[in-house]
């Protein structure tokens, strides 16, 4: 079985595992994860007096059985942190980023995922991203990430590799059931810096229970 086939099988398994969590279980776990995430963002998004812009979080809009990270967005808006979310460009397999200041800046987009409205301001300079909160189906303790197969986030992160720019700090939020032994990693797959689940925080060579 090659890496592509392994990923297809792992995605099928991961989807089933996440779907098996009850709705109430997902709600409780999501709340706990968001509480931990906000604590981490308080550290990671502290304003830098030498930087003349708002601390900026790049995040996704959750759908279906994903961890509900919307409380994180709401907390960011209250703290005057800048929140940017992606708009999918299927023809070019790209993500374009736009700032959103409330739920009114969102509309139904590609594959039913909420996306920024047309009037939302676009962020062109990827150097302005401080933290990236990325989705995924499964993760391992070596910070490997199994995405959904479209390659959108991998292509986005490759921009930093190609240009030599420093990446934002990359965090993933997941139910602990989504942690697997090993994610097969291809040449262009990126690793995250930190994984936050309902039971632990893993990253930078350390693991902490929550």
Protein backbone atom coordinates (compact mmCIF):
# COMPACT_ATOMS: atom_id res chain seq x y z
CA UNK A 1 0.00 0.00 0.00
CA UNK A 2 1.52 3.34 -1.06
CA UNK A 3 1.25 6.61 0.88
CA UNK A 4 -1.77 7.80 -1.12
CA UNK A 5 -3.67 4.57 -0.46
CA UNK A 6 -2.71 4.66 3.23
CA UNK A 7 -4.06 8.20 3.54
CA UNK A 8 -7.34 7.28 1.86
CA UNK A 9 -7.85 4.40 4.30
CA UNK A 10 -6.84 6.52 7.30
CA UNK A 11 -9.27 9.26 6.26
CA UNK A 12 -12.09 6.75 6.08
CA UNK A 13 -11.23 5.44 9.55
CA UNK A 14 -10.79 8.92 11.03
CA UNK A 15 -14.12 10.13 9.66
CA UNK A 16 -15.86 7.15 11.27
CA UNK A 17 -14.13 7.65 14.62
CA UNK A 18 -15.04 11.32 14.79
CA UNK A 19 -18.62 10.70 13.65
CA UNK A 20 -19.01 8.12 16.44
CA UNK A 21 -18.62 10.81 19.11
CA UNK A 22 -22.07 11.84 20.29
CA UNK A 23 -23.31 15.38 19.64
CA UNK A 24 -23.27 16.13 23.36
CA UNK A 25 -19.80 14.63 23.64
CA UNK A 26 -18.54 16.82 20.81
CA UNK A 27 -20.07 19.88 22.44
CA UNK A 28 -18.43 19.22 25.82
CA UNK A 29 -15.09 18.31 24.30
CA UNK A 30 -15.16 21.34 21.99
CA UNK A 31 -15.81 23.67 24.93
CA UNK A 32 -12.85 22.23 26.83
CA UNK A 33 -10.59 22.48 23.77
CA UNK A 34 -11.60 26.11 23.16
CA UNK A 35 -10.88 27.01 26.78
CA UNK A 36 -7.38 25.58 26.43
CA UNK A 37 -6.88 27.19 23.03
CA UNK A 38 -7.77 30.62 24.35
CA UNK A 39 -5.22 30.25 27.12
CA UNK A 40 -2.57 29.41 24.55
CA UNK A 41 -3.61 32.30 22.27
CA UNK A 42 -3.33 34.72 25.17
CA UNK A 43 0.36 33.81 25.23
CA UNK A 44 0.90 33.59 21.48
CA UNK A 45 -0.99 36.72 20.42
CA UNK A 46 0.34 39.20 22.93
CA UNK A 47 0.67 42.58 21.18
CA UNK A 48 4.24 43.46 20.24
CA UNK A 49 4.90 47.20 20.75
CA UNK A 50 7.33 47.12 17.82
CA UNK A 51 4.63 45.80 15.43
CA UNK A 52 2.09 48.36 14.25
CA UNK A 53 -0.80 46.01 13.58
CA UNK A 54 -3.23 43.82 15.47
CA UNK A 55 -2.21 40.28 16.47
CA UNK A 56 -3.62 38.07 13.72
CA UNK A 57 -5.17 34.61 13.82
CA UNK A 58 -5.79 32.57 10.66
CA UNK A 59 -8.52 30.04 11.43
CA UNK A 60 -11.05 27.79 9.74
CA UNK A 61 -14.83 27.71 9.97
CA UNK A 62 -15.90 24.37 11.49
CA UNK A 63 -18.40 22.11 9.73
CA UNK A 64 -20.11 18.79 10.45
CA UNK A 65 -18.27 16.82 13.16
CA UNK A 66 -15.20 19.06 13.48
CA UNK A 67 -14.21 20.66 16.76
CA UNK A 68 -16.40 23.74 17.12
CA UNK A 69 -13.84 26.56 17.37
CA UNK A 70 -16.37 29.39 16.95
CA UNK A 71 -16.00 30.42 20.65
CA UNK A 72 -12.36 31.16 19.83
CA UNK A 73 -13.40 33.52 17.02
CA UNK A 74 -15.87 35.28 19.31
CA UNK A 75 -13.21 35.72 21.99
CA UNK A 76 -10.77 37.12 19.42
CA UNK A 77 -13.30 39.73 18.29
CA UNK A 78 -13.81 40.85 21.90
CA UNK A 79 -10.05 41.18 22.36
CA UNK A 80 -9.60 43.17 19.15
CA UNK A 81 -7.41 40.48 17.64
CA UNK A 82 -7.67 40.25 13.87
CA UNK A 83 -9.35 37.10 12.56
CA UNK A 84 -8.85 35.93 8.98
CA UNK A 85 -10.53 32.92 7.39
CA UNK A 86 -10.05 31.29 3.98
CA UNK A 87 -12.10 31.36 0.84
CA UNK A 88 -11.53 28.30 -1.33
CA UNK A 89 -10.65 28.83 -5.00
CA UNK A 90 -11.30 25.31 -6.39
CA UNK A 91 -10.11 26.08 -9.93
CA UNK A 92 -6.62 26.89 -8.66
CA UNK A 93 -6.75 24.77 -5.49
CA UNK A 94 -5.87 27.85 -3.47
CA UNK A 95 -6.93 29.56 -0.27
CA UNK A 96 -7.46 33.32 -0.25
CA UNK A 97 -7.63 34.99 3.16
CA UNK A 98 -10.11 37.62 4.29
CA UNK A 99 -10.66 39.42 7.58
CA UNK A 100 -13.97 38.85 9.33
CA UNK A 101 -15.18 40.99 12.24
CA UNK A 102 -18.45 39.17 12.97
CA UNK A 103 -20.68 36.39 11.69
CA UNK A 104 -22.27 38.96 9.37
CA UNK A 105 -19.06 38.84 7.33
CA UNK A 106 -19.76 35.19 6.40
CA UNK A 107 -21.94 33.43 3.85
CA UNK A 108 -22.44 29.87 2.62
CA UNK A 109 -19.47 28.92 0.47
CA UNK A 110 -17.82 25.99 -1.28
CA UNK A 111 -18.91 22.55 0.02
CA UNK A 112 -21.23 24.23 2.53
CA UNK A 113 -18.34 25.79 4.46
CA UNK A 114 -18.99 29.37 5.67
CA UNK A 115 -16.76 31.78 3.74
CA UNK A 116 -16.11 35.54 3.80
CA UNK A 117 -18.57 37.78 1.97
CA UNK A 118 -17.37 39.62 -1.14
CA UNK A 119 -16.92 42.93 0.70
CA UNK A 120 -14.63 41.46 3.39
CA UNK A 121 -11.11 42.93 3.25
CA UNK A 122 -8.56 40.54 1.76
CA UNK A 123 -5.23 39.90 3.48
CA UNK A 124 -2.48 39.66 0.88
CA UNK A 125 0.62 39.71 3.09
CA UNK A 126 0.98 36.25 4.66
CA UNK A 127 3.79 37.60 6.85
CA UNK A 128 1.08 39.21 8.98
CA UNK A 129 -0.25 35.86 10.23
CA UNK A 130 0.93 35.20 13.79
CA UNK A 131 -0.94 31.97 14.50
CA UNK A 132 -2.66 29.51 12.15
CA UNK A 133 -5.38 27.26 13.57
CA UNK A 134 -5.74 24.47 11.01
CA UNK A 135 -8.29 21.66 10.57
CA UNK A 136 -7.51 18.00 10.06
CA UNK A 137 -8.91 14.48 10.27
CA UNK A 138 -6.12 12.87 12.31
CA UNK A 139 -2.83 13.79 13.97
CA UNK A 140 0.10 12.01 15.54
CA UNK A 141 2.40 12.96 18.42
CA UNK A 142 5.19 13.87 15.98
CA UNK A 143 2.95 16.73 14.83
CA UNK A 144 1.94 14.97 11.62
CA UNK A 145 -1.41 16.08 10.18
CA UNK A 146 -3.82 14.16 7.97
CA UNK A 147 -5.90 16.61 5.95
CA UNK A 148 -8.99 16.03 3.86
CA UNK A 149 -7.14 15.27 0.64
CA UNK A 150 -7.55 18.53 -1.25
CA UNK A 151 -4.08 19.81 -0.47
CA UNK A 152 -5.29 23.39 0.07
CA UNK A 153 -3.49 23.95 3.37
CA UNK A 154 -0.35 22.17 2.19
CA UNK A 155 -0.18 24.45 -0.84
CA UNK A 156 -0.77 27.48 1.34
CA UNK A 157 2.07 26.56 3.72
CA UNK A 158 4.35 25.87 0.76
CA UNK A 159 4.28 29.62 0.06
CA UNK A 160 6.43 30.10 3.15
CA UNK A 161 8.82 27.36 2.08
CA UNK A 162 9.23 28.76 -1.44
CA UNK A 163 9.79 32.34 -0.30
CA UNK A 164 11.86 31.58 2.79
CA UNK A 165 9.42 33.45 5.02
CA UNK A 166 8.91 32.30 8.61
CA UNK A 167 5.68 30.36 9.06
CA UNK A 168 3.05 31.38 11.59
CA UNK A 169 2.81 29.24 14.71
CA UNK A 170 0.60 26.34 13.59
CA UNK A 171 -1.92 24.86 16.03
CA UNK A 172 -4.52 22.17 15.50
CA UNK A 173 -7.58 21.49 17.63
CA UNK A 174 -8.81 17.89 17.71
CA UNK A 175 -10.72 15.41 19.80
CA UNK A 176 -8.31 13.05 21.51
CA UNK A 177 -9.90 10.22 19.53
CA UNK A 178 -8.33 11.76 16.42
CA UNK A 179 -4.78 11.07 17.63
CA UNK A 180 -3.31 8.07 15.80
CA UNK A 181 0.02 6.24 15.93
CA UNK A 182 1.44 7.72 12.75
CA UNK A 183 0.34 9.98 9.91
CA UNK A 184 2.06 9.12 6.60
CA UNK A 185 3.82 12.31 5.52
CA UNK A 186 4.55 13.23 1.92
CA UNK A 187 7.18 15.63 0.62
CA UNK A 188 4.88 18.66 0.63
CA UNK A 189 2.93 17.87 3.80
CA UNK A 190 3.51 20.31 6.65
CA UNK A 191 3.77 19.53 10.34
CA UNK A 192 1.98 21.51 13.01
CA UNK A 193 3.70 23.09 16.01
CA UNK A 194 1.13 22.20 18.63
CA UNK A 195 -1.88 19.93 19.08
CA UNK A 196 -4.66 20.78 21.53
CA UNK A 197 -7.17 18.05 22.41
CA UNK A 198 -9.74 17.68 25.15
CA UNK A 199 -7.21 15.68 27.19
CA UNK A 200 -3.76 17.12 26.42
CA UNK A 201 -1.58 19.72 24.78
CA UNK A 202 1.31 18.34 22.74
CA UNK A 203 4.04 20.26 20.99
CA UNK A 204 7.61 21.52 21.02
CA UNK A 205 8.73 18.22 22.47
CA UNK A 206 6.42 18.41 25.50
CA UNK A 207 3.07 16.91 26.46
CA UNK A 208 0.73 18.31 29.10
CA UNK A 209 -2.56 16.90 30.34
CA UNK A 210 -5.51 19.28 30.58
